[in-house]
Amino acid sequence: MTAAPPPQRSPFLGVLPWPERRAIAAALRTETIGGLVLLAAAVIALVWANSPLGDVYQQIRDFHFGIPALGLDLSVGHWTADGLLAVFFLVAGIELKRELVVGELRTPATAALPVIAAVCGMAVPAALYVLTAGLGGGSLDGWAVPMATDIAFALAVLAVISTHLPAALRAFLLTLAVVDDLGAILIIAIFFTGDLNFLALGGAFAGLVLFYALQRFRVRGWWWYVPLGVTIWALMYNSGIHATVAGVAMGLILRTTLDKGEESSPGARVAHLVHPFSAGVAVPLFALFAAGVTVSGGALADVFTRPEPLGVVIGLVLGKILGVFGGTYLAARFTRARLNPDLAWADVFGLSVLAGIGFTVALLIGELAFPGQAVTEQIKAAVLIASLASAALAALVLLRRNKVYKRLYEEENIDADEDGIPDIYQREATPAER
C-alpha cells in the first residue's frame, strides 16, 4: 500500500484571503494617516518644550480642569492619557475582537506564529530591561516600558520611506501590534493599579454587564451607548484601575459578527466612526503632551548612562529584534509553517526592527511606572531615541528589499477585468472566499 503523502505545510506570510485583506487595508489606511499626524505632534511637542515658550507648554500640560465632585479634576496631560487614550484602547479592543472572531487569530494554526512572535517580542525586551537596570543598580519598575509596538508610528515610517510592503507583511505587523496592545492593557490593569475603590469598581462592572446586555439584545442607538460608556470610564477611573481598561473592555464586548440582513457589525460601525478620531486626534494629542521632553547634552547623556533609560533603549532596539525575529523563526522551524517562497527571512527581520517603535503605549507605561519622578523625563527621552533608532534601522533594512516588495505589491493588485477584485483572488480563491 502506498503511504499517504505528508500534509502540505501552510505558507507563512502568503496571500491573505480577500475579505481579510480588505478589512486590514481599511484599518491600515487610517493608521497610516494618523501616524503621520502623530509624527507631526511629536515634533511639535519637542520643539515647543525646548523653545523659549517651554514654560507655556508646561503650564498648559499641567493645567487642571474637570468636575472635582466626581473625582475628575485632572490636568490636561492626564485628560489626554486617561481620557483620550481610552478611545485608542476602545479601537484596539474592537480590532482584537475582530482578529479573534474573523481574523488571523481565529484559529490556532494562523494565530500561532504572530502570537508567539508578539509574546517573545514583549518578554525579551522586558528581560533585557531588567538585566540592564538590575546590573546598573537602577529601578526595575520600568520593565514594561519597552514591551509595546506603536503600529501608527510604524506605518508612518513606511509611508515616509515609500516602501511597498505586501499585504501579508502589513497584516503580520498589525497582528503583532494588536497582541501587544492586549499585553499592554493586561499589564496596566494588573501591575499599575492603585488603591482599589470597590464601590466604583462594582459600578464599572455593572455598567459593562449592561453594555453586554444591550449588545446581546441587539439594542441600537448612540444615546444608549455614549452616556453609558462615559459612565463606565468615569467609574473605572475612580476605581483605581487605569481608565483605559474601560475602553478595551467595551471594545471586546462589541459584536463583530453579522446578523442576517446586516451590512456591518456594531464593532465595525463603531470602529469606522471612532478610528479616525482615535488615530487623528486622540493619540496625537496624547503625544503632544507626553513627548515634550527637554533635550540637552546632559539629558541625552543621562539616557545612555543611567540604567533605567538605557534599559529602555536596549529593550526596544535590541530586545524587539531578538524577540520578534527569534520567536517567529523558532516557531516556524518547529511547526509545519513554511515561509512564503516570494519572501525571505530578511523581510521578517525588517518587521522585527520596525517593532522597536514603541512610542504611544511606551510613553504611557513610562508615566505609570515612574509617576512624578525625575527619571520620567529620561524614560520619555529613551523611548523617543529608541523609536527613532528603530525607525532609521528599519528603513535601511526594508528599502534594500523594496524592489521585491514593489513587484509583489503590483502582482497582488492586478485587476485586468476591472471588477474591483484583484485577479490573484479570482485564480486562487473559491466563490465563497471572494
Protein backbone atom coordinates (compact mmCIF):
# COMPACT_ATOMS: atom_id res chain seq x y z
CA MET A 1 0.00 0.00 0.00
CA THR A 2 1.34 3.40 -0.94
CA ALA A 3 1.95 5.64 2.03
CA ALA A 4 -0.14 8.78 2.19
CA PRO A 5 1.78 11.94 1.26
CA PRO A 6 2.77 14.17 4.16
CA PRO A 7 0.31 17.00 4.88
CA GLN A 8 1.00 20.22 2.99
CA ARG A 9 2.69 22.81 5.16
CA SER A 10 0.74 26.06 5.32
CA PRO A 11 2.51 29.12 3.88
CA PHE A 12 3.57 31.79 6.33
CA LEU A 13 3.06 35.37 5.04
CA GLY A 14 1.22 34.10 1.97
CA VAL A 15 -1.60 35.88 0.13
CA LEU A 16 -4.36 36.95 2.53
CA PRO A 17 -7.99 35.96 1.94
CA TRP A 18 -9.77 38.77 0.10
CA PRO A 19 -12.22 39.73 2.92
CA GLU A 20 -9.37 39.81 5.44
CA ARG A 21 -7.21 41.89 3.12
CA ARG A 22 -9.99 44.47 2.59
CA ALA A 23 -10.63 44.80 6.34
CA ILE A 24 -6.93 45.19 7.13
CA ALA A 25 -6.35 47.65 4.30
CA ALA A 26 -9.14 49.90 5.60
CA ALA A 27 -7.68 49.83 9.14
CA LEU A 28 -4.13 50.48 7.96
CA ARG A 29 -5.11 53.47 5.81
CA THR A 30 -6.49 55.26 8.85
CA GLU A 31 -3.49 54.23 10.98
CA THR A 32 -1.04 55.50 8.36
CA ILE A 33 -2.66 58.94 8.18
CA GLY A 34 -2.90 59.02 11.95
CA GLY A 35 0.75 58.01 12.21
CA LEU A 36 1.83 60.95 10.09
CA VAL A 37 -0.22 63.28 12.34
CA LEU A 38 1.38 61.55 15.34
CA LEU A 39 4.85 62.25 13.97
CA ALA A 40 3.95 65.89 13.47
CA ALA A 41 2.57 66.12 17.03
CA ALA A 42 5.74 64.61 18.49
CA VAL A 43 7.94 67.04 16.56
CA ILE A 44 5.80 69.99 17.68
CA ALA A 45 6.00 68.80 21.30
CA LEU A 46 9.79 68.55 21.19
CA VAL A 47 10.24 71.93 19.51
CA TRP A 48 7.73 73.63 21.81
CA ALA A 49 9.16 72.16 25.02
CA ASN A 50 12.70 73.22 24.05
CA SER A 51 11.78 76.69 22.79
CA PRO A 52 11.57 79.96 24.75
CA LEU A 53 7.89 79.06 25.19
CA GLY A 54 8.74 75.86 27.07
CA ASP A 55 7.23 77.27 30.28
CA VAL A 56 3.95 77.86 28.46
CA TYR A 57 3.99 74.22 27.31
CA GLN A 58 4.39 73.00 30.89
CA GLN A 59 1.70 75.35 32.17
CA ILE A 60 -0.80 74.10 29.60
CA ARG A 61 0.11 70.46 30.20
CA ASP A 62 -0.27 70.87 33.99
CA PHE A 63 -3.45 72.98 33.89
CA HIS A 64 -6.27 71.28 35.82
CA PHE A 65 -9.96 71.24 34.98
CA GLY A 66 -12.89 68.89 35.40
CA ILE A 67 -15.56 68.02 37.95
CA PRO A 68 -13.89 67.63 41.38
CA ALA A 69 -17.10 66.31 42.97
CA LEU A 70 -16.91 63.31 40.65
CA GLY A 71 -13.19 62.77 41.24
CA LEU A 72 -12.38 64.06 37.76
CA ASP A 73 -10.17 67.10 38.41
CA LEU A 74 -7.33 66.25 36.01
CA SER A 75 -4.51 68.06 34.28
CA VAL A 76 -4.53 68.43 30.50
CA GLY A 77 -1.79 65.80 30.33
CA HIS A 78 -3.84 63.37 32.40
CA TRP A 79 -7.00 64.01 30.39
CA THR A 80 -5.13 63.01 27.25
CA ALA A 81 -3.58 59.93 28.90
CA ASP A 82 -6.62 58.71 30.86
CA GLY A 83 -9.40 60.07 28.68
CA LEU A 84 -8.34 60.25 25.05
CA LEU A 85 -6.28 57.06 25.18
CA ALA A 86 -9.40 55.23 26.37
CA VAL A 87 -10.73 55.90 22.85
CA PHE A 88 -7.50 54.46 21.41
CA PHE A 89 -7.92 51.31 23.50
CA LEU A 90 -11.60 51.07 22.53
CA VAL A 91 -10.47 50.78 18.91
CA ALA A 92 -7.73 48.33 19.95
CA GLY A 93 -10.34 46.20 21.72
CA ILE A 94 -12.57 46.15 18.65
CA GLU A 95 -9.63 45.19 16.44
CA LEU A 96 -8.59 42.44 18.85
CA LYS A 97 -12.17 41.09 18.93
CA ARG A 98 -12.29 41.12 15.12
CA GLU A 99 -8.97 39.29 14.91
CA LEU A 100 -10.18 36.67 17.40
CA VAL A 101 -13.54 36.13 15.69
CA VAL A 102 -12.93 36.53 11.96
CA GLY A 103 -9.26 37.48 11.55
CA GLU A 104 -5.79 35.97 11.83
CA LEU A 105 -6.26 34.91 15.47
CA ARG A 106 -9.47 32.91 14.96
CA THR A 107 -7.71 29.54 14.55
CA PRO A 108 -4.65 28.19 16.38
CA ALA A 109 -2.88 27.43 13.09
CA THR A 110 -2.98 31.02 11.83
CA ALA A 111 -2.59 32.57 15.28
CA ALA A 112 0.43 30.58 16.41
CA LEU A 113 3.22 32.48 14.67
CA PRO A 114 2.08 36.09 15.25
CA VAL A 115 1.12 35.32 18.87
CA ILE A 116 4.44 33.61 19.60
CA ALA A 117 6.29 36.46 17.88
CA ALA A 118 4.36 39.08 19.87
CA VAL A 119 4.80 37.30 23.21
CA CYS A 120 8.54 36.86 22.62
CA GLY A 121 8.63 40.48 21.43
CA MET A 122 7.26 41.53 24.82
CA ALA A 123 9.17 39.11 27.04
CA VAL A 124 12.69 39.63 25.64
CA PRO A 125 12.64 43.47 25.87
CA ALA A 126 11.32 43.24 29.44
CA ALA A 127 14.07 40.76 30.33
CA LEU A 128 16.78 42.95 28.78
CA TYR A 129 15.48 45.97 30.71
CA VAL A 130 15.56 44.02 33.99
CA LEU A 131 19.08 42.77 33.21
CA THR A 132 20.37 46.23 32.25
CA ALA A 133 18.70 48.13 35.08
CA GLY A 134 19.49 45.44 37.62
CA LEU A 135 23.18 45.26 36.77
CA GLY A 136 23.35 49.06 36.86
CA GLY A 137 21.68 49.30 40.25
CA GLY A 138 18.60 51.06 38.86
CA SER A 139 14.89 50.65 39.47
CA LEU A 140 13.15 47.64 37.92
CA ASP A 141 9.80 49.46 37.85
CA GLY A 142 10.13 50.27 34.16
CA TRP A 143 10.32 46.66 32.97
CA ALA A 144 7.11 47.00 30.93
CA VAL A 145 8.09 50.21 29.09
CA PRO A 146 9.91 48.56 26.13
CA MET A 147 7.25 45.90 25.55
CA ALA A 148 4.86 47.78 23.24
CA THR A 149 4.85 48.40 19.46
CA ASP A 150 3.23 51.55 18.06
CA ILE A 151 1.51 50.49 14.82
CA ALA A 152 0.63 54.07 13.79
CA PHE A 153 4.21 55.31 14.14
CA ALA A 154 5.50 52.22 12.32
CA LEU A 155 3.10 52.72 9.42
CA ALA A 156 4.03 56.39 9.25
CA VAL A 157 7.66 55.34 8.82
CA LEU A 158 6.63 53.02 5.98
CA ALA A 159 4.72 55.90 4.37
CA VAL A 160 7.68 58.27 4.69
CA ILE A 161 10.16 55.84 3.12
CA SER A 162 7.56 54.90 0.43
CA THR A 163 8.06 51.16 0.71
CA HIS A 164 5.58 48.77 -0.94
CA LEU A 165 5.17 46.08 1.72
CA PRO A 166 2.91 43.22 0.58
CA ALA A 167 -0.43 42.93 2.40
CA ALA A 168 0.68 39.83 4.33
CA LEU A 169 3.66 41.64 5.89
CA ARG A 170 1.47 44.59 6.89
CA ALA A 171 -1.12 42.21 8.34
CA PHE A 172 1.58 40.43 10.35
CA LEU A 173 2.76 43.78 11.71
CA LEU A 174 -0.83 44.76 12.59
CA THR A 175 -1.43 41.44 14.37
CA LEU A 176 1.78 41.90 16.35
CA ALA A 177 0.59 45.33 17.43
CA VAL A 178 -2.89 44.03 18.36
CA VAL A 179 -1.44 41.32 20.61
CA ASP A 180 0.99 43.90 22.01
CA ASP A 181 -1.95 46.17 22.87
CA LEU A 182 -3.66 43.29 24.69
CA GLY A 183 -0.47 42.61 26.64
CA ALA A 184 -0.12 46.29 27.47
CA ILE A 185 -3.66 46.63 28.77
CA LEU A 186 -3.27 43.50 30.91
CA ILE A 187 -0.02 44.86 32.33
CA ILE A 188 -1.63 48.23 33.06
CA ALA A 189 -4.64 46.57 34.71
CA ILE A 190 -2.61 44.14 36.82
CA PHE A 191 0.62 45.95 37.70
CA PHE A 192 -0.32 49.64 37.63
CA THR A 193 -3.46 49.62 39.74
CA GLY A 194 -3.66 51.94 42.75
CA ASP A 195 -5.74 51.53 45.90
CA LEU A 196 -8.99 49.94 44.77
CA ASN A 197 -12.33 51.61 45.34
CA PHE A 198 -14.56 48.54 45.25
CA LEU A 199 -17.78 50.56 45.07
CA ALA A 200 -16.63 52.34 41.91
CA LEU A 201 -15.19 49.10 40.52
CA GLY A 202 -18.51 47.34 41.13
CA GLY A 203 -20.32 50.17 39.38
CA ALA A 204 -17.98 49.92 36.37
CA PHE A 205 -18.51 46.16 36.22
CA ALA A 206 -22.29 46.61 36.40
CA GLY A 207 -22.05 49.13 33.57
CA LEU A 208 -20.12 46.63 31.46
CA VAL A 209 -22.76 43.96 32.15
CA LEU A 210 -25.44 46.41 30.98
CA PHE A 211 -23.30 47.23 27.92
CA TYR A 212 -23.13 43.50 27.15
CA ALA A 213 -26.90 43.09 27.63
CA LEU A 214 -27.60 45.93 25.20
CA GLN A 215 -25.40 44.18 22.64
CA ARG A 216 -26.91 40.80 23.38
CA PHE A 217 -30.45 42.05 22.80
CA ARG A 218 -29.40 44.00 19.68
CA VAL A 219 -30.26 47.43 21.10
CA ARG A 220 -29.15 50.18 18.71
CA GLY A 221 -28.75 53.93 19.15
CA TRP A 222 -25.80 56.02 20.25
CA TRP A 223 -27.90 57.65 23.01
CA TRP A 224 -27.73 54.35 24.91
CA TYR A 225 -24.04 53.64 24.49
CA VAL A 226 -22.31 57.03 24.69
CA PRO A 227 -23.66 58.05 28.15
CA LEU A 228 -23.13 54.50 29.41
CA GLY A 229 -19.58 54.40 28.04
CA VAL A 230 -18.65 57.71 29.66
CA THR A 231 -20.12 56.50 32.97
CA ILE A 232 -18.15 53.24 32.79
CA TRP A 233 -14.98 55.19 32.02
CA ALA A 234 -15.50 57.59 34.98
CA LEU A 235 -16.24 54.73 37.39
CA MET A 236 -13.20 52.80 36.17
CA TYR A 237 -11.01 55.87 36.68
CA ASN A 238 -12.27 56.30 40.24
CA SER A 239 -11.88 52.58 40.99
CA GLY A 240 -8.09 52.79 40.97
CA ILE A 241 -7.72 50.78 37.75
CA HIS A 242 -6.38 52.77 34.82
CA ALA A 243 -9.30 54.21 32.88
CA THR A 244 -8.05 52.88 29.52
CA VAL A 245 -9.11 49.40 30.69
CA ALA A 246 -12.72 50.56 30.27
CA GLY A 247 -12.07 51.31 26.61
CA VAL A 248 -10.63 47.91 25.74
CA ALA A 249 -13.35 46.13 27.75
CA MET A 250 -16.12 47.85 25.78
CA GLY A 251 -14.29 47.15 22.54
CA LEU A 252 -14.14 43.44 23.35
CA ILE A 253 -17.87 43.40 24.16
CA LEU A 254 -18.98 44.99 20.88
CA ARG A 255 -20.26 42.38 18.43
CA THR A 256 -18.11 41.84 15.34
CA THR A 257 -20.21 39.19 13.59
CA LEU A 258 -23.02 39.97 11.16
CA ASP A 259 -26.67 39.25 11.80
CA LYS A 260 -28.89 38.31 8.89
CA GLY A 261 -29.55 41.39 6.77
CA GLU A 262 -26.76 43.47 8.34
CA GLU A 263 -24.18 45.12 6.11
CA SER A 264 -21.78 45.81 9.01
CA SER A 265 -21.49 44.72 12.63
CA PRO A 266 -21.73 47.12 15.60
CA GLY A 267 -17.99 46.77 16.15
CA ALA A 268 -17.26 47.65 12.53
CA ARG A 269 -19.62 50.65 12.64
CA VAL A 270 -18.09 52.00 15.86
CA ALA A 271 -14.56 51.45 14.55
CA HIS A 272 -15.47 53.25 11.32
CA LEU A 273 -16.77 56.25 13.28
CA VAL A 274 -14.22 56.36 16.11
CA HIS A 275 -11.00 55.15 14.48
CA PRO A 276 -10.32 58.40 12.58
CA PHE A 277 -10.79 60.39 15.81
CA SER A 278 -8.54 57.99 17.71
CA ALA A 279 -5.74 57.99 15.11
CA GLY A 280 -6.03 61.62 14.03
CA VAL A 281 -6.89 63.40 17.29
CA ALA A 282 -6.70 61.31 20.47
CA VAL A 283 -3.27 59.72 20.02
CA PRO A 284 -1.60 62.84 18.53
CA LEU A 285 -2.90 64.99 21.42
CA PHE A 286 -1.53 62.47 23.89
CA ALA A 287 1.81 62.60 22.07
CA LEU A 288 1.72 66.40 22.09
CA PHE A 289 1.60 66.48 25.90
CA ALA A 290 3.69 63.37 26.57
CA ALA A 291 6.61 63.76 24.15
CA GLY A 292 7.65 67.27 25.19
CA VAL A 293 10.91 66.42 26.92
CA THR A 294 13.82 68.79 27.39
CA VAL A 295 16.67 67.88 25.04
CA SER A 296 20.19 68.87 26.03
CA GLY A 297 23.62 67.33 26.03
CA GLY A 298 23.27 66.36 29.67
CA ALA A 299 19.78 64.91 29.16
CA LEU A 300 20.93 62.82 26.22
CA ALA A 301 23.96 61.64 28.18
CA ASP A 302 21.67 60.52 31.01
CA VAL A 303 19.80 58.25 28.60
CA PHE A 304 22.95 56.24 27.95
CA THR A 305 24.50 56.43 31.41
CA ARG A 306 21.56 55.86 33.74
CA PRO A 307 20.38 52.23 33.97
CA GLU A 308 16.63 52.84 33.61
CA PRO A 309 16.60 54.78 30.31
CA LEU A 310 19.46 52.66 28.95
CA GLY A 311 17.37 49.56 29.69
CA VAL A 312 14.50 51.06 27.69
CA VAL A 313 16.73 51.78 24.68
CA ILE A 314 18.29 48.31 24.71
CA GLY A 315 14.90 46.68 25.27
CA LEU A 316 13.21 48.42 22.35
CA VAL A 317 16.04 48.40 19.81
CA LEU A 318 17.71 45.06 20.54
CA GLY A 319 15.01 43.26 22.51
CA LYS A 320 12.32 43.62 19.85
CA ILE A 321 14.65 42.26 17.17
CA LEU A 322 15.67 39.25 19.27
CA GLY A 323 12.15 38.63 20.50
CA VAL A 324 10.05 39.08 17.36
CA PHE A 325 12.52 37.64 14.85
CA GLY A 326 13.79 34.89 17.14
CA GLY A 327 10.28 33.89 18.22
CA THR A 328 8.99 33.83 14.64
CA TYR A 329 11.95 31.85 13.30
CA LEU A 330 11.83 29.25 16.06
CA ALA A 331 8.06 28.91 15.82
CA ALA A 332 8.27 28.36 12.05
CA ARG A 333 11.22 26.00 12.48
CA PHE A 334 9.42 23.72 14.93
CA THR A 335 5.93 23.85 13.38
CA ARG A 336 4.51 22.99 9.98
CA ALA A 337 4.65 26.60 8.78
CA ARG A 338 6.84 27.46 5.80
CA LEU A 339 7.80 30.93 4.66
CA ASN A 340 6.20 32.31 1.51
CA PRO A 341 8.81 31.49 -1.20
CA ASP A 342 8.47 35.03 -2.61
CA LEU A 343 9.76 36.44 0.68
CA ALA A 344 12.88 35.94 2.78
CA TRP A 345 13.70 35.94 6.48
CA ALA A 346 15.27 39.34 5.90
CA ASP A 347 11.72 40.65 5.50
CA VAL A 348 10.71 39.29 8.90
CA PHE A 349 13.89 40.81 10.31
CA GLY A 350 12.87 44.21 8.90
CA LEU A 351 9.49 43.98 10.62
CA SER A 352 11.23 42.96 13.85
CA VAL A 353 13.33 46.12 13.70
CA LEU A 354 10.23 48.18 12.95
CA ALA A 355 8.53 46.67 16.03
CA GLY A 356 11.08 48.56 18.16
CA ILE A 357 8.99 51.70 17.64
CA GLY A 358 7.12 51.73 20.95
CA PHE A 359 6.07 55.35 21.10
CA THR A 360 2.48 55.80 22.40
CA VAL A 361 1.96 52.93 24.83
CA ALA A 362 5.60 53.01 25.94
CA LEU A 363 5.24 56.68 26.91
CA LEU A 364 2.03 55.87 28.79
CA ILE A 365 3.59 52.98 30.73
CA GLY A 366 6.66 55.12 31.44
CA GLU A 367 4.43 57.71 33.14
CA LEU A 368 2.67 54.99 35.13
CA ALA A 369 5.90 53.25 36.15
CA PHE A 370 7.62 56.41 37.40
CA PRO A 371 4.81 58.81 38.42
CA GLY A 372 6.08 62.28 39.27
CA GLN A 373 9.72 61.18 39.36
CA ALA A 374 12.70 62.94 37.78
CA VAL A 375 13.58 59.80 35.83
CA THR A 376 10.25 60.03 33.95
CA GLU A 377 11.67 62.61 31.53
CA GLN A 378 14.71 60.41 30.92
CA ILE A 379 12.44 57.43 30.23
CA LYS A 380 10.47 59.52 27.72
CA ALA A 381 13.69 60.62 26.04
CA ALA A 382 14.80 56.98 25.89
CA VAL A 383 11.53 55.96 24.22
CA LEU A 384 11.93 58.73 21.64
CA ILE A 385 15.57 57.87 20.92
CA ALA A 386 14.87 54.12 20.69
CA SER A 387 11.86 54.66 18.43
CA LEU A 388 13.84 56.93 16.09
CA ALA A 389 16.76 54.49 16.03
CA SER A 390 14.44 51.57 15.24
CA ALA A 391 12.74 53.61 12.51
CA ALA A 392 16.05 54.53 10.88
CA LEU A 393 17.40 50.98 11.03
CA ALA A 394 14.13 49.53 9.71
CA ALA A 395 14.20 52.00 6.81
CA LEU A 396 17.68 50.80 5.83
CA VAL A 397 16.70 47.13 6.01
CA LEU A 398 13.34 47.42 4.23
CA LEU A 399 14.47 49.77 1.48
CA ARG A 400 17.07 47.20 0.37
CA ARG A 401 14.17 44.86 -0.44
CA ASN A 402 11.80 47.46 -1.86
CA LYS A 403 12.16 46.24 -5.47
CA VAL A 404 10.90 42.83 -4.36
CA TYR A 405 8.06 44.42 -2.38
CA LYS A 406 7.05 46.60 -5.33
CA ARG A 407 6.88 43.59 -7.66
CA LEU A 408 4.79 41.57 -5.20
CA TYR A 409 2.56 44.57 -4.48
CA GLU A 410 1.88 45.11 -8.18
CA GLU A 411 1.17 41.41 -8.74
CA GLU A 412 -1.26 41.39 -5.83
CA ASN A 413 -3.18 44.37 -7.27
CA ILE A 414 -3.50 43.42 -10.96
CA ASP A 415 -7.18 43.73 -11.91
CA ALA A 416 -7.30 43.15 -15.67
CA ASP A 417 -11.08 42.81 -15.86
CA GLU A 418 -11.59 45.90 -13.68
CA ASP A 419 -14.20 44.24 -11.47
CA GLY A 420 -12.72 45.59 -8.24
CA ILE A 421 -11.24 42.22 -7.17
CA PRO A 422 -7.56 41.54 -7.91
CA ASP A 423 -7.09 38.72 -10.39
CA ILE A 424 -4.96 36.71 -7.96
CA TYR A 425 -8.06 36.02 -5.87
CA GLN A 426 -10.16 35.00 -8.84
CA ARG A 427 -7.50 32.49 -9.87
CA GLU A 428 -6.89 31.02 -6.44
CA ALA A 429 -9.95 31.69 -4.32
CA THR A 430 -13.30 29.93 -4.28
CA PRO A 431 -16.50 31.93 -4.77
CA ALA A 432 -17.16 31.64 -1.03
CA GLU A 433 -13.75 33.15 -0.20
CA ARG A 434 -14.33 36.03 -2.62
